[in-house]
Amino acid sequence: MKELEVTCPCCQARLTVDVLTSKVMRTRLPEAEKARDPWAAANEKVRDRTAQTTDKLDRALGDEKSKDARLDDAFEKARDKWRRDQEG
């Protein structure tokens, strides 16, 4: 069986064609080719992890900045409740 590998001019997919039957035996999409590159996959994972870490850090810093206000509100509510309980 003799095969020929060609690239589709429209979608850049790699097609493996049987020369005797003229049938497409295999198709590899461009994304599949990129996924086979271990360096590209590792680089993408690191990039995603870095972005996630930055988002987590930003959320944590926002929570920390608003912590004083949240604690002050909770303290005021507890004090008001205590005063109402003392009066009634």
C-alpha atoms as a PDB file:
ATOM      1  CA  MET A   1       0.000   0.000   0.000  1.00  0.00           C
ATOM      2  CA  LYS A   2       1.489   3.316  -1.086  1.00  0.00           C
ATOM      3  CA  GLU A   3       0.433   6.477   0.709  1.00  0.00           C
ATOM      4  CA  LEU A   4       0.823  10.148  -0.036  1.00  0.00           C
ATOM      5  CA  GLU A   5       0.636  12.898   2.553  1.00  0.00           C
ATOM      6  CA  VAL A   6      -0.784  16.259   1.475  1.00  0.00           C
ATOM      7  CA  THR A   7      -1.835  19.482   3.162  1.00  0.00           C
ATOM      8  CA  CYS A   8      -5.322  20.853   2.553  1.00  0.00           C
ATOM      9  CA  PRO A   9      -5.037  24.403   1.179  1.00  0.00           C
ATOM     10  CA  CYS A  10      -8.259  25.478   2.921  1.00  0.00           C
ATOM     11  CA  CYS A  11      -7.881  24.261   6.520  1.00  0.00           C
ATOM     12  CA  GLN A  12      -4.192  23.212   6.619  1.00  0.00           C
ATOM     13  CA  ALA A  13      -5.162  19.682   7.719  1.00  0.00           C
ATOM     14  CA  ARG A  14      -2.685  16.909   6.900  1.00  0.00           C
ATOM     15  CA  LEU A  15      -4.299  14.190   4.784  1.00  0.00           C
ATOM     16  CA  THR A  16      -2.848  10.750   4.202  1.00  0.00           C
ATOM     17  CA  VAL A  17      -4.191   9.370   0.914  1.00  0.00           C
ATOM     18  CA  ASP A  18      -3.920   5.807  -0.400  1.00  0.00           C
ATOM     19  CA  VAL A  19      -2.525   6.151  -3.928  1.00  0.00           C
ATOM     20  CA  LEU A  20      -4.156   2.959  -5.259  1.00  0.00           C
ATOM     21  CA  THR A  21      -7.703   3.624  -4.006  1.00  0.00           C
ATOM     22  CA  SER A  22      -7.566   7.450  -3.801  1.00  0.00           C
ATOM     23  CA  LYS A  23      -9.168   7.260  -0.354  1.00  0.00           C
ATOM     24  CA  VAL A  24      -8.226   9.457   2.579  1.00  0.00           C
ATOM     25  CA  MET A  25      -6.767   7.130   5.175  1.00  0.00           C
ATOM     26  CA  ARG A  26      -5.951   9.648   7.934  1.00  0.00           C
ATOM     27  CA  THR A  27      -6.700  13.273   8.703  1.00  0.00           C
ATOM     28  CA  ARG A  28      -4.755  15.342  11.195  1.00  0.00           C
ATOM     29  CA  LEU A  29      -6.149  18.772  11.981  1.00  0.00           C
ATOM     30  CA  PRO A  30      -3.768  21.677  12.600  1.00  0.00           C
ATOM     31  CA  GLU A  31      -4.759  21.787  16.312  1.00  0.00           C
ATOM     32  CA  ALA A  32      -3.807  18.130  16.625  1.00  0.00           C
ATOM     33  CA  GLU A  33      -0.404  18.881  15.152  1.00  0.00           C
ATOM     34  CA  LYS A  34       0.101  21.686  17.657  1.00  0.00           C
ATOM     35  CA  ALA A  35      -0.999  19.459  20.538  1.00  0.00           C
ATOM     36  CA  ARG A  36       1.704  16.935  19.618  1.00  0.00           C
ATOM     37  CA  ASP A  37       4.419  19.529  20.221  1.00  0.00           C
ATOM     38  CA  PRO A  38       5.355  18.982  23.886  1.00  0.00           C
ATOM     39  CA  TRP A  39       7.077  22.356  24.204  1.00  0.00           C
ATOM     40  CA  ALA A  40       4.028  24.244  22.975  1.00  0.00           C
ATOM     41  CA  ALA A  41       1.766  22.274  25.320  1.00  0.00           C
ATOM     42  CA  ALA A  42       4.071  22.878  28.299  1.00  0.00           C
ATOM     43  CA  ASN A  43       4.381  26.561  27.458  1.00  0.00           C
ATOM     44  CA  GLU A  44       0.593  26.900  27.292  1.00  0.00           C
ATOM     45  CA  LYS A  45       0.177  25.160  30.665  1.00  0.00           C
ATOM     46  CA  VAL A  46       2.687  27.495  32.285  1.00  0.00           C
ATOM     47  CA  ARG A  47       0.998  30.528  30.731  1.00  0.00           C
ATOM     48  CA  ASP A  48      -2.419  29.369  31.997  1.00  0.00           C
ATOM     49  CA  ARG A  49      -1.078  28.652  35.479  1.00  0.00           C
ATOM     50  CA  THR A  50       0.557  32.071  35.640  1.00  0.00           C
ATOM     51  CA  ALA A  51      -2.695  33.777  34.660  1.00  0.00           C
ATOM     52  CA  GLN A  52      -4.663  31.758  37.228  1.00  0.00           C
ATOM     53  CA  THR A  53      -2.147  32.573  39.940  1.00  0.00           C
ATOM     54  CA  THR A  54      -2.328  36.276  39.131  1.00  0.00           C
ATOM     55  CA  ASP A  55      -6.148  36.164  39.313  1.00  0.00           C
ATOM     56  CA  LYS A  56      -6.056  34.347  42.666  1.00  0.00           C
ATOM     57  CA  LEU A  57      -3.575  36.861  44.052  1.00  0.00           C
ATOM     58  CA  ASP A  58      -5.710  39.795  42.883  1.00  0.00           C
ATOM     59  CA  ARG A  59      -8.818  38.287  44.532  1.00  0.00           C
ATOM     60  CA  ALA A  60      -6.930  37.643  47.765  1.00  0.00           C
ATOM     61  CA  LEU A  61      -5.604  41.203  47.834  1.00  0.00           C
ATOM     62  CA  GLY A  62      -9.114  42.565  47.226  1.00  0.00           C
ATOM     63  CA  ASP A  63     -10.486  40.428  50.054  1.00  0.00           C
ATOM     64  CA  GLU A  64      -7.708  41.592  52.359  1.00  0.00           C
ATOM     65  CA  LYS A  65      -8.327  45.265  51.509  1.00  0.00           C
ATOM     66  CA  SER A  66     -12.043  44.950  52.258  1.00  0.00           C
ATOM     67  CA  LYS A  67     -11.500  42.904  55.430  1.00  0.00           C
ATOM     68  CA  ASP A  68     -11.392  45.936  57.748  1.00  0.00           C
ATOM     69  CA  ALA A  69     -14.698  47.271  56.434  1.00  0.00           C
ATOM     70  CA  ARG A  70     -16.368  43.854  56.736  1.00  0.00           C
ATOM     71  CA  LEU A  71     -15.107  43.381  60.285  1.00  0.00           C
ATOM     72  CA  ASP A  72     -16.190  46.915  61.271  1.00  0.00           C
ATOM     73  CA  ASP A  73     -19.682  46.228  59.884  1.00  0.00           C
ATOM     74  CA  ALA A  74     -19.910  42.925  61.757  1.00  0.00           C
ATOM     75  CA  PHE A  75     -18.753  44.600  64.983  1.00  0.00           C
ATOM     76  CA  GLU A  76     -21.313  47.414  64.610  1.00  0.00           C
ATOM     77  CA  LYS A  77     -24.130  44.922  64.038  1.00  0.00           C
ATOM     78  CA  ALA A  78     -23.101  42.856  67.048  1.00  0.00           C
ATOM     79  CA  ARG A  79     -22.863  45.983  69.228  1.00  0.00           C
ATOM     80  CA  ASP A  80     -26.272  47.201  68.074  1.00  0.00           C
ATOM     81  CA  LYS A  81     -27.790  43.793  68.814  1.00  0.00           C
ATOM     82  CA  TRP A  82     -26.166  43.738  72.263  1.00  0.00           C
ATOM     83  CA  ARG A  83     -27.562  47.236  73.012  1.00  0.00           C
ATOM     84  CA  ARG A  84     -31.064  46.166  71.908  1.00  0.00           C
ATOM     85  CA  ASP A  85     -30.819  43.075  74.091  1.00  0.00           C
ATOM     86  CA  GLN A  86     -29.695  45.201  77.071  1.00  0.00           C
ATOM     87  CA  GLU A  87     -32.578  47.670  76.640  1.00  0.00           C
ATOM     88  CA  GLY A  88     -35.274  45.081  76.133  1.00  0.00           C
END
